[in-house]
N, C-alpha and C. Protein backbone atom coordinates (compact mmCIF):
# COMPACT_ATOMS: atom_id res chain seq x y z
N UNK A 1 19.57 73.56 342.79
CA UNK A 1 20.35 74.63 342.37
C UNK A 1 20.80 75.87 343.03
N UNK A 2 19.68 76.22 343.85
CA UNK A 2 20.07 77.59 344.77
C UNK A 2 21.40 76.85 345.70
N UNK A 3 21.07 75.71 346.31
CA UNK A 3 21.94 75.32 347.24
C UNK A 3 23.22 75.02 346.69
N UNK A 4 23.23 74.87 345.32
CA UNK A 4 24.73 74.63 344.94
C UNK A 4 25.58 76.08 344.73
N UNK A 5 24.65 77.16 344.08
CA UNK A 5 25.16 78.52 344.18
C UNK A 5 25.66 78.91 345.31
N UNK A 6 24.59 78.61 346.46
CA UNK A 6 25.11 79.08 347.87
C UNK A 6 26.31 78.21 348.44
N UNK A 7 26.62 76.75 348.14
CA UNK A 7 27.80 76.34 348.23
C UNK A 7 28.82 76.73 347.47
N UNK A 8 28.73 77.25 346.11
CA UNK A 8 29.65 77.68 345.45
C UNK A 8 30.01 79.16 345.83
N UNK A 9 29.11 80.17 346.36
CA UNK A 9 29.45 81.36 346.95
C UNK A 9 30.37 81.06 348.21
N UNK A 10 29.88 80.35 349.05
CA UNK A 10 30.87 80.25 350.30
C UNK A 10 32.20 79.55 349.86
N UNK A 11 31.95 78.75 348.94
CA UNK A 11 33.54 78.61 348.35
C UNK A 11 34.32 79.50 347.93
N UNK A 12 33.82 80.23 347.17
CA UNK A 12 34.75 81.17 346.68
C UNK A 12 35.06 82.22 347.79
N UNK A 13 34.22 82.45 348.69
CA UNK A 13 34.60 83.63 349.82
C UNK A 13 35.66 82.63 350.86
N UNK A 14 35.44 81.24 351.18
CA UNK A 14 36.45 80.90 351.88
C UNK A 14 37.90 80.59 351.19
N UNK A 15 38.00 80.39 349.89
CA UNK A 15 39.17 80.13 349.20
C UNK A 15 40.12 81.30 349.42
N UNK A 16 39.63 82.51 349.30
CA UNK A 16 40.69 83.69 349.17
C UNK A 16 41.14 83.70 350.91
N UNK A 17 40.14 83.58 351.64
CA UNK A 17 40.49 83.58 353.26
C UNK A 17 41.55 82.62 353.54
N UNK A 18 41.37 81.42 352.67
CA UNK A 18 42.66 80.40 353.25
C UNK A 18 43.81 81.01 352.31
N UNK A 19 43.81 81.23 351.33
CA UNK A 19 45.09 81.94 350.43
C UNK A 19 45.69 82.87 351.51
N UNK A 20 44.93 83.90 351.99
CA UNK A 20 45.72 84.93 352.50
C UNK A 20 46.16 84.44 353.53
N UNK A 21 45.79 83.16 354.59
CA UNK A 21 46.39 82.98 355.64
C UNK A 21 47.45 82.15 355.21
N UNK A 22 47.62 81.63 354.05
CA UNK A 22 48.58 80.90 353.77
C UNK A 22 49.89 81.63 353.37
N UNK A 23 49.58 82.88 352.77
CA UNK A 23 50.64 83.67 352.24
C UNK A 23 51.18 84.41 353.49
N UNK A 24 50.47 84.62 354.61
CA UNK A 24 50.75 85.65 355.65
C UNK A 24 51.67 84.75 356.91
N UNK A 25 51.46 83.39 356.77
CA UNK A 25 51.87 82.63 357.85
C UNK A 25 53.56 82.77 357.88
N UNK A 26 54.38 83.14 358.90
CA UNK A 26 55.78 83.12 358.97
C UNK A 26 56.60 83.88 358.27
N UNK A 27 56.27 84.64 356.71
CA UNK A 27 57.00 85.34 356.14
C UNK A 27 57.93 84.73 355.20
N UNK A 28 58.02 83.47 355.29
CA UNK A 28 58.82 82.57 354.43
C UNK A 28 60.26 82.86 354.99
N UNK A 29 61.25 82.01 354.38
CA UNK A 29 62.45 82.02 354.72
C UNK A 29 63.24 82.96 354.56
N UNK A 30 63.18 84.01 353.52
CA UNK A 30 64.04 85.34 353.39
C UNK A 30 63.25 86.27 354.77
N UNK A 31 62.13 86.40 355.01
CA UNK A 31 61.71 87.10 355.91
C UNK A 31 62.66 86.77 357.63
N UNK A 32 62.52 85.50 357.45
CA UNK A 32 63.18 84.84 358.86
C UNK A 32 64.71 85.19 358.79
N UNK A 33 65.32 85.06 357.58
CA UNK A 33 66.72 85.40 357.70
C UNK A 33 67.09 86.83 357.56
N UNK A 34 66.24 87.59 357.07
CA UNK A 34 66.39 89.10 357.52
C UNK A 34 66.30 89.40 358.94
N UNK A 35 65.34 88.81 359.64
CA UNK A 35 65.02 89.08 361.01
C UNK A 35 66.43 88.77 361.57
N UNK A 36 66.87 87.36 361.23
CA UNK A 36 67.93 86.78 362.28
C UNK A 36 69.09 87.83 361.89
N UNK A 37 69.61 88.17 360.69
CA UNK A 37 70.59 89.22 360.45
C UNK A 37 70.48 90.45 361.30
N UNK A 38 69.46 91.06 360.99
CA UNK A 38 69.03 92.18 361.74
C UNK A 38 69.19 92.23 363.26
N UNK A 39 68.93 91.14 363.87
CA UNK A 39 69.15 90.82 365.64
C UNK A 39 70.48 90.56 365.74
N UNK A 40 71.14 89.95 364.82
CA UNK A 40 72.72 89.70 365.00
C UNK A 40 73.17 90.80 364.82
N UNK A 41 73.11 91.79 364.12
CA UNK A 41 73.74 93.23 363.99
C UNK A 41 73.53 94.07 364.91
N UNK A 42 72.22 94.10 365.36
CA UNK A 42 72.05 94.82 366.91
C UNK A 42 72.72 94.35 367.76
N UNK A 43 72.94 93.13 367.98
CA UNK A 43 73.45 92.53 369.14
C UNK A 43 75.20 92.79 369.20
N UNK A 44 75.47 92.47 367.73
CA UNK A 44 77.03 92.86 367.51
C UNK A 44 77.28 94.56 367.88
N UNK A 45 76.35 95.23 367.30
CA UNK A 45 76.89 96.80 367.71
C UNK A 45 76.66 96.88 369.32
N UNK A 46 75.67 96.56 369.90
CA UNK A 46 75.57 96.93 371.23
C UNK A 46 76.80 96.30 372.03
N UNK A 47 77.19 94.97 371.69
CA UNK A 47 78.50 94.65 372.50
C UNK A 47 79.98 95.20 372.08
N UNK A 48 79.88 95.98 370.78
CA UNK A 48 80.94 96.76 370.59
C UNK A 48 81.10 98.27 371.31
N UNK A 49 79.76 98.80 371.09
CA UNK A 49 79.80 99.98 371.76
C UNK A 49 79.96 99.99 373.28
N UNK A 50 79.20 98.92 373.80
CA UNK A 50 79.40 98.54 375.21
C UNK A 50 80.60 98.49 375.66
N UNK A 51 81.41 97.41 375.01
CA UNK A 51 82.98 97.47 375.23
C UNK A 51 83.70 98.87 375.29
N UNK A 52 83.59 99.50 374.03
CA UNK A 52 84.11 100.86 374.19
C UNK A 52 83.85 101.73 375.33
N UNK A 53 82.55 101.85 375.60
CA UNK A 53 82.13 102.84 376.84
C UNK A 53 82.92 102.06 378.07
N UNK A 54 82.73 100.77 378.16
CA UNK A 54 83.26 100.06 379.27
C UNK A 54 84.94 100.67 379.51
N UNK A 55 85.66 100.29 378.40
CA UNK A 55 87.14 100.82 378.24
C UNK A 55 87.23 102.12 378.75
N UNK A 56 86.33 102.99 378.22
CA UNK A 56 86.45 104.31 378.86
C UNK A 56 86.62 104.70 380.22
N UNK A 57 85.20 103.83 380.69
CA UNK A 57 84.91 104.28 382.34
C UNK A 57 85.92 103.45 383.17
N UNK A 58 86.40 102.27 382.79
CA UNK A 58 87.12 101.77 383.52
C UNK A 58 88.40 101.19 382.92
N UNK A 59 89.59 102.03 382.89
CA UNK A 59 90.79 101.84 382.24
C UNK A 59 91.50 100.56 382.84
N UNK A 60 92.37 100.07 381.81
CA UNK A 60 93.03 98.83 382.32
C UNK A 60 94.17 99.10 383.65
N UNK A 61 93.93 98.22 384.43
CA UNK A 61 94.88 98.33 385.71
C UNK A 61 96.21 97.94 385.26
N UNK A 62 97.18 98.52 385.81
CA UNK A 62 98.60 98.01 385.63
C UNK A 62 99.16 97.10 386.64
N UNK A 63 99.78 95.95 386.81
CA UNK A 63 99.86 95.07 387.86
C UNK A 63 101.63 95.25 387.83
N UNK A 64 102.23 95.10 389.23
CA UNK A 64 103.54 94.83 389.50
C UNK A 64 103.53 93.56 390.31
N UNK A 65 104.99 93.03 390.19
CA UNK A 65 105.39 91.88 391.12
C UNK A 65 105.95 92.43 392.17
N UNK A 66 105.24 91.97 393.31
CA UNK A 66 105.67 92.49 394.67
C UNK A 66 107.00 91.76 394.97
N UNK A 67 107.52 92.19 396.22
CA UNK A 67 108.89 91.39 396.83
C UNK A 67 108.22 89.91 397.22
N UNK A 68 107.08 89.69 397.50
CA UNK A 68 106.76 88.27 398.18
C UNK A 68 106.18 87.40 397.11
N UNK A 69 106.57 88.02 395.36
CA UNK A 69 106.08 87.15 394.40
C UNK A 69 104.60 87.21 394.21
N UNK A 70 103.86 88.39 394.69
CA UNK A 70 102.40 88.29 394.13
C UNK A 70 102.18 89.47 393.46
N UNK A 71 101.23 89.53 392.44
CA UNK A 71 101.10 90.59 391.51
C UNK A 71 99.99 91.51 392.38
N UNK A 72 100.33 92.75 392.43
CA UNK A 72 99.37 93.77 392.96
C UNK A 72 99.16 94.94 391.99
N UNK A 73 98.12 95.32 392.11
CA UNK A 73 97.90 96.61 391.48
C UNK A 73 98.83 97.88 391.70
N UNK A 74 99.38 98.40 390.35
CA UNK A 74 100.24 99.50 390.68
C UNK A 74 99.30 101.00 390.84
N UNK A 75 99.83 101.44 391.89
CA UNK A 75 99.05 102.66 392.27
C UNK A 75 99.62 103.89 391.52
N UNK A 76 98.88 104.76 391.00
CA UNK A 76 99.09 105.97 390.13
C UNK A 76 98.85 107.31 391.47
N UNK A 77 100.00 107.79 391.57
CA UNK A 77 99.90 108.90 392.82
C UNK A 77 99.26 109.98 391.99
N UNK A 78 98.43 110.81 392.68
CA UNK A 78 98.23 112.10 391.97
C UNK A 78 98.96 112.96 391.88
N UNK A 79 100.17 112.80 392.50
CA UNK A 79 101.20 113.82 392.48
C UNK A 79 101.96 113.57 390.86
N UNK A 80 102.14 112.22 390.79
CA UNK A 80 102.63 111.95 389.49
C UNK A 80 102.12 112.28 388.41
N UNK A 81 100.73 112.31 388.37
CA UNK A 81 100.05 113.03 387.07
C UNK A 81 100.16 114.35 387.24
N UNK A 82 100.16 115.15 388.04
CA UNK A 82 100.34 116.44 387.90
C UNK A 82 101.60 116.89 387.56
N UNK A 83 102.71 116.11 387.89
CA UNK A 83 103.83 115.98 387.22
C UNK A 83 104.23 115.88 386.15
N UNK A 84 103.39 114.97 385.70
CA UNK A 84 103.37 114.67 384.04
C UNK A 84 103.00 115.89 383.51
N UNK A 85 101.99 116.76 383.88
CA UNK A 85 101.31 117.68 383.12
C UNK A 85 102.36 118.97 383.35
N UNK A 86 103.22 119.03 384.19
CA UNK A 86 104.10 120.02 384.61
C UNK A 86 105.16 120.19 383.84
N UNK A 87 105.57 118.86 383.17
CA UNK A 87 106.76 118.55 382.49
C UNK A 87 107.02 118.98 381.31
N UNK A 88 105.68 119.62 380.74
CA UNK A 88 105.76 120.11 379.38
C UNK A 88 106.25 121.66 379.27
N UNK A 89 107.45 121.91 379.18
CA UNK A 89 107.61 123.32 379.18
C UNK A 89 107.14 124.25 378.51
N UNK A 90 107.11 125.68 378.62
CA UNK A 90 106.70 126.37 377.41
C UNK A 90 107.29 126.43 376.32
N UNK A 91 106.72 126.98 375.43
CA UNK A 91 107.49 127.06 374.18
C UNK A 91 107.87 128.26 373.82
N UNK A 92 109.22 128.27 373.30
CA UNK A 92 109.83 129.75 372.70
C UNK A 92 110.12 129.64 371.37
N UNK A 93 109.77 130.60 370.34
CA UNK A 93 109.96 130.47 369.10
C UNK A 93 111.33 131.37 368.58
N UNK A 94 112.25 130.88 367.73
CA UNK A 94 113.23 131.45 367.41
C UNK A 94 112.91 131.83 365.72
N UNK A 95 113.02 133.06 365.32
CA UNK A 95 112.89 133.07 364.02
C UNK A 95 114.22 133.17 363.05
N UNK A 96 114.38 132.77 362.21
CA UNK A 96 115.60 133.00 361.51
C UNK A 96 115.30 133.87 360.44
N UNK A 97 115.66 134.99 360.59
CA UNK A 97 115.93 136.13 359.85
C UNK A 97 116.83 136.62 359.24
N UNK A 98 116.98 137.14 358.13
CA UNK A 98 115.69 137.22 356.99
C UNK A 98 115.20 136.02 356.46
N UNK A 99 114.31 135.94 355.81
CA UNK A 99 113.80 134.53 355.24
C UNK A 99 114.75 134.01 353.95
N UNK A 100 114.77 132.50 354.12
CA UNK A 100 115.76 132.06 352.96
C UNK A 100 115.35 132.15 351.84
N UNK A 101 115.98 132.24 350.98
CA UNK A 101 115.62 132.49 349.15
C UNK A 101 116.52 131.53 348.65
N UNK A 102 115.92 130.66 347.60
CA UNK A 102 116.89 129.81 346.85
C UNK A 102 116.02 129.86 345.65
N UNK A 103 116.95 129.67 344.47
CA UNK A 103 116.34 129.35 343.16
C UNK A 103 116.46 127.83 342.66
N UNK A 104 115.69 127.50 341.77
CA UNK A 104 115.83 126.20 341.40
C UNK A 104 115.18 126.11 339.71
N UNK A 105 115.64 125.15 339.03
CA UNK A 105 115.15 125.06 337.62
C UNK A 105 113.93 124.37 337.51
N UNK A 106 113.08 125.02 336.84
CA UNK A 106 112.05 124.06 336.66
C UNK A 106 112.06 124.11 334.88
N UNK A 107 111.47 123.04 334.50
CA UNK A 107 111.68 122.91 332.88
C UNK A 107 111.43 123.99 331.81
N UNK A 108 110.54 124.86 332.48
CA UNK A 108 110.20 125.94 331.39
C UNK A 108 110.84 127.20 331.88
N UNK A 109 111.10 127.40 333.24
CA UNK A 109 111.69 128.73 333.80
C UNK A 109 112.61 128.58 334.99
N UNK A 110 113.17 129.57 335.54
CA UNK A 110 113.87 129.56 336.61
C UNK A 110 112.89 129.80 337.76
N UNK A 111 112.73 129.16 338.75
CA UNK A 111 111.90 129.43 339.99
C UNK A 111 112.80 129.97 341.20
N UNK A 112 112.09 130.71 342.14
CA UNK A 112 112.51 131.33 343.20
C UNK A 112 111.44 130.49 344.50
N UNK A 113 112.24 130.40 345.50
CA UNK A 113 111.55 129.94 346.82
C UNK A 113 111.98 130.88 347.80
N UNK A 114 110.97 131.47 348.59
CA UNK A 114 111.35 132.05 349.80
C UNK A 114 110.63 131.53 350.92
N UNK A 115 111.34 131.33 351.82
CA UNK A 115 110.94 130.57 353.13
C UNK A 115 110.99 131.26 354.30
N UNK A 116 109.81 131.58 355.16
CA UNK A 116 110.36 132.17 356.38
C UNK A 116 110.27 130.78 357.52
N UNK A 117 111.41 130.77 358.50
CA UNK A 117 111.47 129.71 359.39
C UNK A 117 111.15 130.06 360.57
N UNK A 118 110.85 129.40 361.66
CA UNK A 118 110.52 129.72 362.97
C UNK A 118 110.91 128.22 363.87
N UNK A 119 111.79 128.27 364.91
CA UNK A 119 112.32 127.10 365.52
C UNK A 119 111.44 127.07 366.70
N UNK A 120 111.33 125.89 367.20
CA UNK A 120 110.71 125.75 368.54
C UNK A 120 111.37 125.15 369.62
N UNK A 121 111.77 126.07 370.51
CA UNK A 121 112.75 125.61 371.65
C UNK A 121 111.71 125.49 373.02
N UNK A 122 112.30 124.83 373.90
CA UNK A 122 111.64 124.87 375.11
C UNK A 122 112.21 125.67 376.47
N UNK A 123 113.47 125.89 376.17
CA UNK A 123 114.13 126.94 377.33
C UNK A 123 114.66 128.19 376.47
N UNK A 124 114.35 129.16 377.13
CA UNK A 124 114.66 130.55 376.73
C UNK A 124 115.98 130.47 376.28
N UNK A 125 117.01 130.13 377.09
CA UNK A 125 118.37 130.05 376.76
C UNK A 125 118.91 129.32 375.54
N UNK A 126 117.88 128.40 375.00
CA UNK A 126 118.17 127.75 374.13
C UNK A 126 118.20 128.35 372.89
N UNK A 127 117.43 129.50 372.73
CA UNK A 127 116.87 130.47 371.82
C UNK A 127 118.23 131.19 371.11
N UNK A 128 119.14 131.60 372.43
CA UNK A 128 120.29 132.42 372.27
C UNK A 128 121.42 131.08 371.48
N UNK A 129 121.56 130.06 371.86
CA UNK A 129 122.23 129.06 371.52
C UNK A 129 121.85 128.88 370.00
N UNK A 130 120.77 128.89 369.42
CA UNK A 130 120.15 128.68 368.04
C UNK A 130 120.67 129.95 367.35
N UNK A 131 120.43 131.18 368.06
CA UNK A 131 120.86 132.38 367.23
C UNK A 131 122.45 132.54 367.09
N UNK A 132 123.21 131.77 368.07
CA UNK A 132 124.83 131.87 367.93
C UNK A 132 124.97 131.17 366.82
N UNK A 133 124.50 129.94 366.52
CA UNK A 133 124.77 128.87 365.60
C UNK A 133 124.07 129.29 364.14
N UNK A 134 123.28 130.27 364.01
CA UNK A 134 122.52 130.43 362.89
C UNK A 134 123.27 130.93 361.55
N UNK A 135 124.23 131.00 361.32
CA UNK A 135 125.04 130.97 360.02
C UNK A 135 125.37 129.72 359.73
N UNK A 136 125.55 128.73 360.37
CA UNK A 136 125.67 127.41 360.21
C UNK A 136 124.30 126.95 359.72
N UNK A 137 123.30 127.01 360.42
CA UNK A 137 121.99 126.56 360.36
C UNK A 137 121.22 127.29 358.90
N UNK A 138 121.60 128.52 358.81
CA UNK A 138 121.25 129.11 357.63
C UNK A 138 121.66 128.49 356.20
N UNK A 139 123.10 128.29 356.51
CA UNK A 139 124.11 127.66 355.20
C UNK A 139 123.56 126.31 354.77
N UNK A 140 123.26 125.53 355.87
CA UNK A 140 122.70 124.17 355.70
C UNK A 140 121.27 124.18 355.16
N UNK A 141 120.42 124.88 355.63
CA UNK A 141 119.13 124.96 355.23
C UNK A 141 118.97 125.08 353.88
N UNK A 142 119.84 126.42 353.43
CA UNK A 142 119.91 126.61 351.89
C UNK A 142 120.43 125.44 350.95
N UNK A 143 121.26 124.82 351.72
CA UNK A 143 121.75 123.62 350.43
C UNK A 143 120.47 122.51 350.48
N UNK A 144 119.71 122.34 351.73
CA UNK A 144 118.45 121.48 351.68
C UNK A 144 117.36 122.00 350.93
N UNK A 145 117.22 123.37 350.71
CA UNK A 145 115.98 123.60 349.98
C UNK A 145 116.47 123.80 348.50
N UNK A 146 117.84 123.86 348.02
CA UNK A 146 118.09 124.09 346.97
C UNK A 146 117.88 122.86 346.15
N UNK A 147 117.87 123.07 344.66
CA UNK A 147 117.58 121.69 343.80
C UNK A 147 116.07 121.02 344.02
N UNK A 148 115.20 121.66 344.55
CA UNK A 148 113.90 121.07 344.77
C UNK A 148 112.89 120.67 343.53
N UNK A 149 112.14 119.80 343.46
CA UNK A 149 111.12 119.98 342.53
C UNK A 149 110.25 120.88 342.68
N UNK A 150 109.98 121.60 341.74
CA UNK A 150 108.52 122.54 342.04
C UNK A 150 107.19 121.93 342.04
N UNK A 151 107.03 120.91 341.14
CA UNK A 151 105.80 120.08 341.48
C UNK A 151 105.63 119.61 342.68
N UNK A 152 106.68 119.08 343.36
CA UNK A 152 106.65 118.52 344.54
C UNK A 152 106.38 119.40 345.75
N UNK A 153 107.09 120.48 345.55
CA UNK A 153 106.76 121.56 346.56
C UNK A 153 105.47 122.31 346.66
N UNK A 154 104.72 122.13 345.46
CA UNK A 154 103.39 122.54 345.40
C UNK A 154 102.21 121.54 346.21
N UNK A 155 102.92 120.52 346.45
CA UNK A 155 101.97 119.32 347.18
C UNK A 155 101.96 119.85 348.71
N UNK A 156 101.17 119.33 349.79
CA UNK A 156 101.27 119.39 350.88
C UNK A 156 102.12 118.47 351.58
N UNK A 157 102.37 117.38 351.08
CA UNK A 157 103.11 116.26 351.16
C UNK A 157 104.59 116.53 350.87
N UNK A 158 104.85 117.30 350.03
CA UNK A 158 105.75 117.64 349.46
C UNK A 158 106.47 118.64 350.41
N UNK A 159 105.64 119.76 350.95
CA UNK A 159 106.13 120.60 352.02
C UNK A 159 106.46 119.96 353.31
N UNK A 160 105.57 119.26 353.72
CA UNK A 160 105.78 118.34 354.98
C UNK A 160 107.12 117.69 354.84
N UNK A 161 107.41 117.04 353.96
CA UNK A 161 108.73 116.17 353.50
C UNK A 161 109.69 117.21 353.75
N UNK A 162 109.79 118.39 353.24
CA UNK A 162 110.81 119.25 353.11
C UNK A 162 110.99 119.86 354.50
N UNK A 163 109.94 120.01 355.30
CA UNK A 163 109.86 120.64 356.59
C UNK A 163 110.61 119.70 357.62
N UNK A 164 110.21 118.42 357.49
CA UNK A 164 110.86 117.12 358.31
C UNK A 164 112.54 117.15 358.18
N UNK A 165 112.92 117.40 356.77
CA UNK A 165 114.23 117.45 356.45
C UNK A 165 115.07 118.52 356.93
N UNK A 166 114.38 119.63 357.07
CA UNK A 166 115.20 120.74 357.64
C UNK A 166 115.15 120.79 359.07
N UNK A 167 114.14 120.03 359.71
CA UNK A 167 114.25 119.98 360.88
C UNK A 167 115.26 118.86 361.61
N UNK A 168 115.52 117.82 360.87
CA UNK A 168 116.57 116.99 360.80
C UNK A 168 117.84 117.51 360.86
N UNK A 169 118.08 118.48 359.93
CA UNK A 169 119.51 118.92 359.74
C UNK A 169 119.81 119.97 360.31
N UNK A 170 118.80 120.59 361.05
CA UNK A 170 118.91 121.70 362.20
C UNK A 170 119.42 120.83 363.46
N UNK A 171 118.59 119.94 363.96
CA UNK A 171 118.96 119.13 365.17
C UNK A 171 120.27 118.29 364.95
N UNK A 172 120.56 118.04 363.63
CA UNK A 172 121.93 117.47 363.42
C UNK A 172 122.98 118.51 363.65
N UNK A 173 122.94 119.95 363.11
CA UNK A 173 123.98 120.73 363.42
C UNK A 173 124.06 121.44 364.89
N UNK A 174 122.92 121.42 365.62
CA UNK A 174 122.91 121.67 366.93
C UNK A 174 123.60 120.59 368.02
N UNK A 175 123.33 119.47 367.66
CA UNK A 175 123.74 118.36 368.44
C UNK A 175 125.36 118.40 368.30
N UNK A 176 125.56 118.55 367.08
CA UNK A 176 127.22 118.72 366.72
C UNK A 176 127.81 119.67 367.56
N UNK A 177 127.26 121.10 367.38
CA UNK A 177 127.83 122.32 367.76
C UNK A 177 127.20 122.61 369.19
N UNK A 178 126.07 122.27 369.86
CA UNK A 178 126.04 122.59 371.22
C UNK A 178 125.95 121.12 371.95
N UNK A 179 126.00 120.13 371.43
CA UNK A 179 125.86 118.99 372.10
C UNK A 179 124.34 118.54 372.38
N UNK A 180 123.39 118.87 372.16
CA UNK A 180 122.19 118.33 372.24
C UNK A 180 121.04 119.02 371.08
N UNK A 181 120.12 118.44 370.30
CA UNK A 181 119.43 118.84 369.37
C UNK A 181 118.47 120.15 369.47
N UNK A 182 118.27 120.27 370.79
CA UNK A 182 117.56 121.69 371.39
C UNK A 182 116.47 122.12 370.68
N UNK A 183 116.35 121.85 369.61
CA UNK A 183 114.97 122.34 368.64
C UNK A 183 114.29 121.28 368.65
N UNK A 184 112.72 121.40 369.07
CA UNK A 184 111.62 120.50 369.00
C UNK A 184 111.16 120.19 367.68
N UNK A 185 111.02 121.46 367.19
CA UNK A 185 110.04 121.43 366.04
C UNK A 185 110.53 122.80 365.05
N UNK A 186 110.29 122.49 363.77
CA UNK A 186 110.42 123.90 362.66
C UNK A 186 109.25 124.03 361.96
N UNK A 187 108.83 125.22 362.00
CA UNK A 187 107.61 125.43 361.26
C UNK A 187 107.89 126.47 359.92
N UNK A 188 107.19 126.33 358.88
CA UNK A 188 107.34 127.19 357.88
C UNK A 188 106.33 128.49 358.08
N UNK A 189 106.53 129.62 358.57
CA UNK A 189 105.68 130.50 358.77
C UNK A 189 105.24 131.46 357.51
N UNK A 190 105.91 131.15 356.36
CA UNK A 190 105.72 131.66 355.23
C UNK A 190 106.51 131.11 354.16
N UNK A 191 105.89 130.52 352.79
CA UNK A 191 106.26 129.78 351.98
C UNK A 191 105.80 130.24 350.78
N UNK A 192 106.65 130.78 349.76
CA UNK A 192 106.15 131.50 348.66
C UNK A 192 107.16 131.15 347.47
N UNK A 193 106.57 130.42 346.38
CA UNK A 193 107.12 130.03 345.36
C UNK A 193 106.63 130.82 344.11
N UNK A 194 107.81 131.41 343.06
CA UNK A 194 107.48 132.13 342.14
C UNK A 194 108.17 131.70 340.86
């Protein structure tokens, strides 16, 4: 009997060891799948980041067809890069003074809009041309501003849409009156709705 108990005692200790070994082996299908997906994601991320870094470090070359019919790499001269930087002329701002004031109907009351506008030009003498034609510009801008929806004017998108419409109107006037749009941009420096 002692032998049986000893054999049983060994068997009980041996069984949990075998059970632990069976559970710990390989981690099962789910574990292998998680590992495979993790490795795939890491490899994909490394490929993408490496491609971005490579594109930044080595910009794509431009090719031109030579007179002999062979493709050659287009050379970018340092002077051309500097000339492109110098091509941007300084900014001059022309204020339409006094501010424009228009009224419009809201369903509940009469509202007023007061807008201060500055125009961006690239040449100093263009500012004089804008001032010369400012009566026409002011007239047409008042017509563009008039009759707006109060709720639309209170949104950022509504103000930006109005700004773009005003810019197009000013460029149209100056193209007609001076032969060129002259104005590069238009800014609202004050925008008050009451």
